[in-house]
């Protein structure tokens, strides 16, 4: 009789222990951190607008930043100078030379003052006197009796809003670079001003679409970095 009671007690202890182990296992499983489900961008959508590239093709906005995709032929891993490549222009009066991007076109004018350069998109517009899209760069000069560059600029001051201004050099000459916003048409404009040999030289870029400011400003940088005076009377260092 006592043996049966001892056996029953032992069996009961075994059952209780097994139940405790099972309960602990269940608690452990439910307390494990759940794996996160992969996130998707199904709730994110970019606007459907497109940007026309210099070669005439179009690119759309892409996730995750919704920035425009790179234009065909754009090497984002190379330096701007390598990507643009040069075409060389020399002023007919021997005042200066400049290298311009191969995607741009020089358009001859009588006297070449200003010398005018257009990107491929600007050439598709129907009105030559009004920039409807794309970008245009002009290189202009005039005689100046101003003793300082600041004085020369002040004499030609417009009502445009100055966004930024910095001092640079243009072929070794002290120069002022500005980004301004035109009061007419809200056009974004890059400018470089310098005095040399009794002349005021102005490099001006017009950009009518804000989405293209970065792309076209890199082309303007190319003009500025490759500009050289060739006439010795104009190249006198102040």
C-alpha atoms as a PDB file:
ATOM      1  CA  UNK A   1       0.000   0.000   0.000  1.00  0.00           C
ATOM      2  CA  UNK A   2       2.760   2.381   0.953  1.00  0.00           C
ATOM      3  CA  UNK A   3       4.615   1.483  -2.263  1.00  0.00           C
ATOM      4  CA  UNK A   4       1.576   2.505  -4.308  1.00  0.00           C
ATOM      5  CA  UNK A   5       1.307   5.803  -2.451  1.00  0.00           C
ATOM      6  CA  UNK A   6       5.012   6.504  -3.048  1.00  0.00           C
ATOM      7  CA  UNK A   7       4.668   5.684  -6.720  1.00  0.00           C
ATOM      8  CA  UNK A   8       1.650   7.980  -7.031  1.00  0.00           C
ATOM      9  CA  UNK A   9       3.468  10.841  -5.348  1.00  0.00           C
ATOM     10  CA  UNK A  10       6.503  10.382  -7.618  1.00  0.00           C
ATOM     11  CA  UNK A  11       4.282  10.306 -10.688  1.00  0.00           C
ATOM     12  CA  UNK A  12       2.521  13.472  -9.535  1.00  0.00           C
ATOM     13  CA  UNK A  13       5.848  15.267  -9.065  1.00  0.00           C
ATOM     14  CA  UNK A  14       6.951  14.231 -12.539  1.00  0.00           C
ATOM     15  CA  UNK A  15       3.704  15.566 -14.027  1.00  0.00           C
ATOM     16  CA  UNK A  16       4.055  18.862 -12.136  1.00  0.00           C
ATOM     17  CA  UNK A  17       7.683  19.265 -13.264  1.00  0.00           C
ATOM     18  CA  UNK A  18       6.777  18.526 -16.872  1.00  0.00           C
ATOM     19  CA  UNK A  19       3.956  21.069 -16.740  1.00  0.00           C
ATOM     20  CA  UNK A  20       6.338  23.668 -15.318  1.00  0.00           C
ATOM     21  CA  UNK A  21       8.833  23.046 -18.137  1.00  0.00           C
ATOM     22  CA  UNK A  22       6.097  23.346 -20.755  1.00  0.00           C
ATOM     23  CA  UNK A  23       4.787  26.563 -19.192  1.00  0.00           C
ATOM     24  CA  UNK A  24       8.278  28.073 -19.120  1.00  0.00           C
ATOM     25  CA  UNK A  25       8.807  27.175 -22.777  1.00  0.00           C
ATOM     26  CA  UNK A  26       5.509  28.797 -23.748  1.00  0.00           C
ATOM     27  CA  UNK A  27       6.399  31.996 -21.875  1.00  0.00           C
ATOM     28  CA  UNK A  28       9.836  32.091 -23.522  1.00  0.00           C
ATOM     29  CA  UNK A  29       8.393  31.697 -27.012  1.00  0.00           C
ATOM     30  CA  UNK A  30       5.838  34.488 -26.551  1.00  0.00           C
ATOM     31  CA  UNK A  31       8.465  36.826 -25.087  1.00  0.00           C
ATOM     32  CA  UNK A  32      10.810  36.516 -28.104  1.00  0.00           C
ATOM     33  CA  UNK A  33      11.026  39.778 -30.128  1.00  0.00           C
ATOM     34  CA  UNK A  34       9.006  39.559 -33.307  1.00  0.00           C
ATOM     35  CA  UNK A  35      10.809  40.043 -36.600  1.00  0.00           C
ATOM     36  CA  UNK A  36       9.836  43.308 -38.254  1.00  0.00           C
ATOM     37  CA  UNK A  37       8.041  42.998 -41.525  1.00  0.00           C
ATOM     38  CA  UNK A  38       9.969  44.542 -44.405  1.00  0.00           C
ATOM     39  CA  UNK A  39       8.925  48.121 -45.057  1.00  0.00           C
ATOM     40  CA  UNK A  40       7.784  49.174 -48.466  1.00  0.00           C
ATOM     41  CA  UNK A  41       7.257  52.486 -50.197  1.00  0.00           C
ATOM     42  CA  UNK A  42       3.772  51.584 -51.313  1.00  0.00           C
ATOM     43  CA  UNK A  43       2.473  54.723 -49.619  1.00  0.00           C
ATOM     44  CA  UNK A  44       5.102  57.025 -51.193  1.00  0.00           C
ATOM     45  CA  UNK A  45       4.774  58.403 -54.704  1.00  0.00           C
ATOM     46  CA  UNK A  46       6.782  61.036 -56.562  1.00  0.00           C
ATOM     47  CA  UNK A  47       5.154  63.683 -58.720  1.00  0.00           C
ATOM     48  CA  UNK A  48       4.729  62.715 -62.338  1.00  0.00           C
ATOM     49  CA  UNK A  49       6.600  65.684 -63.830  1.00  0.00           C
ATOM     50  CA  UNK A  50       9.645  65.128 -66.032  1.00  0.00           C
ATOM     51  CA  UNK A  51      12.855  67.019 -66.812  1.00  0.00           C
ATOM     52  CA  UNK A  52      14.186  67.375 -70.338  1.00  0.00           C
ATOM     53  CA  UNK A  53      17.885  66.571 -70.713  1.00  0.00           C
ATOM     54  CA  UNK A  54      20.354  68.421 -72.955  1.00  0.00           C
ATOM     55  CA  UNK A  55      20.106  65.601 -75.532  1.00  0.00           C
ATOM     56  CA  UNK A  56      16.327  66.068 -75.770  1.00  0.00           C
ATOM     57  CA  UNK A  57      15.328  62.985 -73.772  1.00  0.00           C
ATOM     58  CA  UNK A  58      13.289  63.090 -70.550  1.00  0.00           C
ATOM     59  CA  UNK A  59      13.890  61.709 -67.059  1.00  0.00           C
ATOM     60  CA  UNK A  60      11.396  61.347 -64.207  1.00  0.00           C
ATOM     61  CA  UNK A  61      11.704  61.585 -60.433  1.00  0.00           C
ATOM     62  CA  UNK A  62      12.857  58.459 -58.578  1.00  0.00           C
ATOM     63  CA  UNK A  63      12.561  57.143 -55.028  1.00  0.00           C
ATOM     64  CA  UNK A  64      13.522  57.542 -52.262  1.00  0.00           C
ATOM     65  CA  UNK A  65      14.325  61.260 -52.537  1.00  0.00           C
ATOM     66  CA  UNK A  66      12.081  61.953 -55.558  1.00  0.00           C
ATOM     67  CA  UNK A  67      14.968  63.810 -57.210  1.00  0.00           C
ATOM     68  CA  UNK A  68      15.222  63.700 -60.992  1.00  0.00           C
ATOM     69  CA  UNK A  69      17.183  60.762 -62.377  1.00  0.00           C
ATOM     70  CA  UNK A  70      20.543  61.521 -64.003  1.00  0.00           C
ATOM     71  CA  UNK A  71      20.409  62.483 -67.662  1.00  0.00           C
ATOM     72  CA  UNK A  72      21.781  59.971 -70.185  1.00  0.00           C
ATOM     73  CA  UNK A  73      25.528  60.312 -70.599  1.00  0.00           C
ATOM     74  CA  UNK A  74      25.987  61.958 -67.211  1.00  0.00           C
ATOM     75  CA  UNK A  75      28.887  60.334 -65.375  1.00  0.00           C
ATOM     76  CA  UNK A  76      28.160  61.024 -61.719  1.00  0.00           C
ATOM     77  CA  UNK A  77      31.499  59.487 -60.672  1.00  0.00           C
ATOM     78  CA  UNK A  78      33.680  61.867 -62.637  1.00  0.00           C
ATOM     79  CA  UNK A  79      34.696  65.474 -62.149  1.00  0.00           C
ATOM     80  CA  UNK A  80      32.598  68.198 -63.733  1.00  0.00           C
ATOM     81  CA  UNK A  81      35.453  69.119 -66.072  1.00  0.00           C
ATOM     82  CA  UNK A  82      35.656  65.553 -67.407  1.00  0.00           C
ATOM     83  CA  UNK A  83      31.902  65.305 -67.867  1.00  0.00           C
ATOM     84  CA  UNK A  84      31.491  68.569 -69.742  1.00  0.00           C
ATOM     85  CA  UNK A  85      34.408  68.397 -72.137  1.00  0.00           C
ATOM     86  CA  UNK A  86      35.609  71.469 -74.027  1.00  0.00           C
ATOM     87  CA  UNK A  87      34.789  73.303 -77.210  1.00  0.00           C
ATOM     88  CA  UNK A  88      37.026  76.357 -77.765  1.00  0.00           C
ATOM     89  CA  UNK A  89      35.868  79.860 -78.680  1.00  0.00           C
ATOM     90  CA  UNK A  90      38.215  82.759 -79.491  1.00  0.00           C
ATOM     91  CA  UNK A  91      36.893  86.294 -79.719  1.00  0.00           C
ATOM     92  CA  UNK A  92      37.472  87.721 -83.244  1.00  0.00           C
ATOM     93  CA  UNK A  93      39.218  90.813 -81.845  1.00  0.00           C
ATOM     94  CA  UNK A  94      41.592  88.643 -79.817  1.00  0.00           C
ATOM     95  CA  UNK A  95      40.305  89.780 -76.440  1.00  0.00           C
ATOM     96  CA  UNK A  96      39.768  86.379 -74.837  1.00  0.00           C
ATOM     97  CA  UNK A  97      39.296  82.657 -75.322  1.00  0.00           C
ATOM     98  CA  UNK A  98      36.984  80.331 -73.439  1.00  0.00           C
ATOM     99  CA  UNK A  99      36.157  76.646 -73.479  1.00  0.00           C
ATOM    100  CA  UNK A 100      32.493  75.715 -73.469  1.00  0.00           C
ATOM    101  CA  UNK A 101      30.728  72.367 -72.929  1.00  0.00           C
ATOM    102  CA  UNK A 102      30.301  70.285 -76.063  1.00  0.00           C
ATOM    103  CA  UNK A 103      26.564  70.071 -75.330  1.00  0.00           C
ATOM    104  CA  UNK A 104      26.394  73.848 -75.791  1.00  0.00           C
ATOM    105  CA  UNK A 105      26.335  75.847 -79.039  1.00  0.00           C
ATOM    106  CA  UNK A 106      28.030  79.134 -79.865  1.00  0.00           C
ATOM    107  CA  UNK A 107      25.751  81.390 -81.907  1.00  0.00           C
ATOM    108  CA  UNK A 108      27.605  84.005 -84.002  1.00  0.00           C
ATOM    109  CA  UNK A 109      26.622  87.653 -83.719  1.00  0.00           C
ATOM    110  CA  UNK A 110      27.842  90.783 -85.444  1.00  0.00           C
ATOM    111  CA  UNK A 111      30.882  91.991 -83.508  1.00  0.00           C
ATOM    112  CA  UNK A 112      30.445  89.183 -80.990  1.00  0.00           C
ATOM    113  CA  UNK A 113      29.684  91.550 -78.140  1.00  0.00           C
ATOM    114  CA  UNK A 114      28.171  89.829 -76.378  1.00  0.00           C
ATOM    115  CA  UNK A 115      29.341  86.394 -77.409  1.00  0.00           C
ATOM    116  CA  UNK A 116      26.382  84.080 -76.896  1.00  0.00           C
ATOM    117  CA  UNK A 117      26.210  80.384 -76.037  1.00  0.00           C
ATOM    118  CA  UNK A 118      23.077  78.212 -75.719  1.00  0.00           C
ATOM    119  CA  UNK A 119      22.448  74.784 -74.293  1.00  0.00           C
ATOM    120  CA  UNK A 120      20.553  72.253 -76.436  1.00  0.00           C
ATOM    121  CA  UNK A 121      17.210  72.913 -74.747  1.00  0.00           C
ATOM    122  CA  UNK A 122      17.442  76.672 -75.225  1.00  0.00           C
ATOM    123  CA  UNK A 123      17.979  76.159 -78.966  1.00  0.00           C
ATOM    124  CA  UNK A 124      14.541  74.530 -79.275  1.00  0.00           C
ATOM    125  CA  UNK A 125      12.704  77.710 -78.313  1.00  0.00           C
ATOM    126  CA  UNK A 126      10.944  79.751 -80.961  1.00  0.00           C
ATOM    127  CA  UNK A 127      11.858  83.259 -79.744  1.00  0.00           C
ATOM    128  CA  UNK A 128      15.562  84.052 -79.938  1.00  0.00           C
ATOM    129  CA  UNK A 129      15.181  87.299 -77.994  1.00  0.00           C
ATOM    130  CA  UNK A 130      13.366  85.655 -75.071  1.00  0.00           C
ATOM    131  CA  UNK A 131      14.669  82.667 -73.124  1.00  0.00           C
ATOM    132  CA  UNK A 132      11.715  80.316 -72.688  1.00  0.00           C
ATOM    133  CA  UNK A 133      13.574  77.272 -71.368  1.00  0.00           C
ATOM    134  CA  UNK A 134      17.108  76.016 -70.924  1.00  0.00           C
ATOM    135  CA  UNK A 135      20.038  78.357 -70.345  1.00  0.00           C
ATOM    136  CA  UNK A 136      22.023  81.029 -72.149  1.00  0.00           C
ATOM    137  CA  UNK A 137      25.481  82.440 -71.360  1.00  0.00           C
ATOM    138  CA  UNK A 138      26.698  85.811 -72.624  1.00  0.00           C
ATOM    139  CA  UNK A 139      30.204  87.302 -72.418  1.00  0.00           C
ATOM    140  CA  UNK A 140      30.044  91.070 -72.666  1.00  0.00           C
ATOM    141  CA  UNK A 141      32.591  93.876 -72.386  1.00  0.00           C
ATOM    142  CA  UNK A 142      32.584  97.663 -72.475  1.00  0.00           C
ATOM    143  CA  UNK A 143      35.056 100.494 -71.977  1.00  0.00           C
ATOM    144  CA  UNK A 144      35.211 101.659 -68.373  1.00  0.00           C
ATOM    145  CA  UNK A 145      36.859 104.599 -66.638  1.00  0.00           C
ATOM    146  CA  UNK A 146      36.053 103.237 -63.189  1.00  0.00           C
ATOM    147  CA  UNK A 147      39.002 103.038 -60.819  1.00  0.00           C
ATOM    148  CA  UNK A 148      37.611 100.069 -58.890  1.00  0.00           C
ATOM    149  CA  UNK A 149      35.508  97.053 -59.759  1.00  0.00           C
ATOM    150  CA  UNK A 150      32.946  97.975 -57.118  1.00  0.00           C
ATOM    151  CA  UNK A 151      32.522 101.390 -58.741  1.00  0.00           C
ATOM    152  CA  UNK A 152      32.075  99.837 -62.186  1.00  0.00           C
ATOM    153  CA  UNK A 153      29.411  97.443 -60.911  1.00  0.00           C
ATOM    154  CA  UNK A 154      27.622 100.216 -59.032  1.00  0.00           C
ATOM    155  CA  UNK A 155      27.282 102.222 -62.241  1.00  0.00           C
ATOM    156  CA  UNK A 156      25.439  99.301 -63.858  1.00  0.00           C
ATOM    157  CA  UNK A 157      23.424  98.308 -60.809  1.00  0.00           C
ATOM    158  CA  UNK A 158      20.000  96.826 -61.543  1.00  0.00           C
ATOM    159  CA  UNK A 159      17.012  96.159 -59.314  1.00  0.00           C
ATOM    160  CA  UNK A 160      17.699  92.405 -59.223  1.00  0.00           C
ATOM    161  CA  UNK A 161      17.869  90.705 -55.826  1.00  0.00           C
ATOM    162  CA  UNK A 162      21.388  89.563 -54.869  1.00  0.00           C
ATOM    163  CA  UNK A 163      21.272  85.982 -53.551  1.00  0.00           C
ATOM    164  CA  UNK A 164      25.016  85.545 -52.958  1.00  0.00           C
ATOM    165  CA  UNK A 165      28.290  87.328 -53.676  1.00  0.00           C
ATOM    166  CA  UNK A 166      31.915  86.250 -53.429  1.00  0.00           C
ATOM    167  CA  UNK A 167      35.347  87.436 -54.562  1.00  0.00           C
ATOM    168  CA  UNK A 168      37.144  85.217 -57.095  1.00  0.00           C
ATOM    169  CA  UNK A 169      39.759  85.578 -59.832  1.00  0.00           C
ATOM    170  CA  UNK A 170      39.144  85.435 -63.582  1.00  0.00           C
ATOM    171  CA  UNK A 171      42.369  84.481 -65.363  1.00  0.00           C
ATOM    172  CA  UNK A 172      44.284  86.011 -62.456  1.00  0.00           C
ATOM    173  CA  UNK A 173      42.212  89.187 -62.355  1.00  0.00           C
ATOM    174  CA  UNK A 174      40.239  90.124 -59.220  1.00  0.00           C
ATOM    175  CA  UNK A 175      36.574  89.448 -59.947  1.00  0.00           C
ATOM    176  CA  UNK A 176      33.208  89.427 -58.224  1.00  0.00           C
ATOM    177  CA  UNK A 177      30.801  86.547 -58.667  1.00  0.00           C
ATOM    178  CA  UNK A 178      27.119  86.928 -57.921  1.00  0.00           C
ATOM    179  CA  UNK A 179      23.949  84.888 -58.041  1.00  0.00           C
ATOM    180  CA  UNK A 180      20.920  87.130 -58.460  1.00  0.00           C
ATOM    181  CA  UNK A 181      17.197  86.784 -59.005  1.00  0.00           C
ATOM    182  CA  UNK A 182      15.834  88.963 -61.773  1.00  0.00           C
ATOM    183  CA  UNK A 183      12.869  91.142 -60.903  1.00  0.00           C
ATOM    184  CA  UNK A 184      11.583  90.488 -64.416  1.00  0.00           C
ATOM    185  CA  UNK A 185      10.451  86.920 -65.003  1.00  0.00           C
ATOM    186  CA  UNK A 186      12.025  85.609 -61.776  1.00  0.00           C
ATOM    187  CA  UNK A 187      15.014  84.321 -63.768  1.00  0.00           C
ATOM    188  CA  UNK A 188      18.018  82.928 -61.865  1.00  0.00           C
ATOM    189  CA  UNK A 189      21.220  84.641 -63.033  1.00  0.00           C
ATOM    190  CA  UNK A 190      24.911  83.866 -62.478  1.00  0.00           C
ATOM    191  CA  UNK A 191      27.332  86.764 -63.002  1.00  0.00           C
ATOM    192  CA  UNK A 192      31.092  87.323 -62.962  1.00  0.00           C
ATOM    193  CA  UNK A 193      32.470  90.885 -63.203  1.00  0.00           C
ATOM    194  CA  UNK A 194      36.072  91.986 -63.688  1.00  0.00           C
ATOM    195  CA  UNK A 195      38.071  95.035 -64.827  1.00  0.00           C
ATOM    196  CA  UNK A 196      41.004  94.529 -67.154  1.00  0.00           C
ATOM    197  CA  UNK A 197      42.901  96.908 -69.429  1.00  0.00           C
ATOM    198  CA  UNK A 198      40.317  99.686 -69.158  1.00  0.00           C
ATOM    199  CA  UNK A 199      37.411  97.371 -69.941  1.00  0.00           C
ATOM    200  CA  UNK A 200      34.648  95.899 -67.811  1.00  0.00           C
ATOM    201  CA  UNK A 201      34.068  92.221 -68.636  1.00  0.00           C
ATOM    202  CA  UNK A 202      30.834  90.504 -67.604  1.00  0.00           C
ATOM    203  CA  UNK A 203      29.999  86.812 -67.868  1.00  0.00           C
ATOM    204  CA  UNK A 204      26.255  86.277 -67.427  1.00  0.00           C
ATOM    205  CA  UNK A 205      24.167  83.110 -67.333  1.00  0.00           C
ATOM    206  CA  UNK A 206      20.360  83.056 -67.460  1.00  0.00           C
ATOM    207  CA  UNK A 207      18.451  80.042 -66.074  1.00  0.00           C
ATOM    208  CA  UNK A 208      14.663  80.152 -66.320  1.00  0.00           C
ATOM    209  CA  UNK A 209      13.877  76.860 -64.501  1.00  0.00           C
ATOM    210  CA  UNK A 210      14.837  76.444 -60.846  1.00  0.00           C
ATOM    211  CA  UNK A 211      15.062  72.643 -61.182  1.00  0.00           C
ATOM    212  CA  UNK A 212      17.998  73.166 -63.540  1.00  0.00           C
ATOM    213  CA  UNK A 213      20.029  75.675 -61.513  1.00  0.00           C
ATOM    214  CA  UNK A 214      22.553  73.089 -60.285  1.00  0.00           C
ATOM    215  CA  UNK A 215      23.018  71.425 -63.673  1.00  0.00           C
ATOM    216  CA  UNK A 216      23.461  74.668 -65.590  1.00  0.00           C
ATOM    217  CA  UNK A 217      25.594  76.383 -62.954  1.00  0.00           C
ATOM    218  CA  UNK A 218      28.187  73.614 -63.429  1.00  0.00           C
ATOM    219  CA  UNK A 219      28.383  74.664 -67.088  1.00  0.00           C
ATOM    220  CA  UNK A 220      28.885  78.295 -66.039  1.00  0.00           C
ATOM    221  CA  UNK A 221      31.684  77.164 -63.707  1.00  0.00           C
ATOM    222  CA  UNK A 222      33.343  75.614 -66.764  1.00  0.00           C
ATOM    223  CA  UNK A 223      33.217  78.918 -68.655  1.00  0.00           C
ATOM    224  CA  UNK A 224      34.679  80.800 -65.690  1.00  0.00           C
ATOM    225  CA  UNK A 225      37.516  78.347 -65.037  1.00  0.00           C
ATOM    226  CA  UNK A 226      38.638  78.259 -68.693  1.00  0.00           C
ATOM    227  CA  UNK A 227      38.274  81.978 -69.523  1.00  0.00           C
ATOM    228  CA  UNK A 228      41.589  83.552 -70.591  1.00  0.00           C
ATOM    229  CA  UNK A 229      42.527  87.020 -71.788  1.00  0.00           C
ATOM    230  CA  UNK A 230      44.478  86.863 -75.067  1.00  0.00           C
ATOM    231  CA  UNK A 231      44.889  90.530 -75.975  1.00  0.00           C
ATOM    232  CA  UNK A 232      47.968  91.854 -74.170  1.00  0.00           C
ATOM    233  CA  UNK A 233      46.460  95.291 -73.592  1.00  0.00           C
ATOM    234  CA  UNK A 234      43.430  93.674 -71.956  1.00  0.00           C
ATOM    235  CA  UNK A 235      45.505  91.279 -69.912  1.00  0.00           C
ATOM    236  CA  UNK A 236      47.355  93.934 -67.911  1.00  0.00           C
ATOM    237  CA  UNK A 237      47.114  92.818 -64.305  1.00  0.00           C
ATOM    238  CA  UNK A 238      45.645  95.491 -62.047  1.00  0.00           C
END
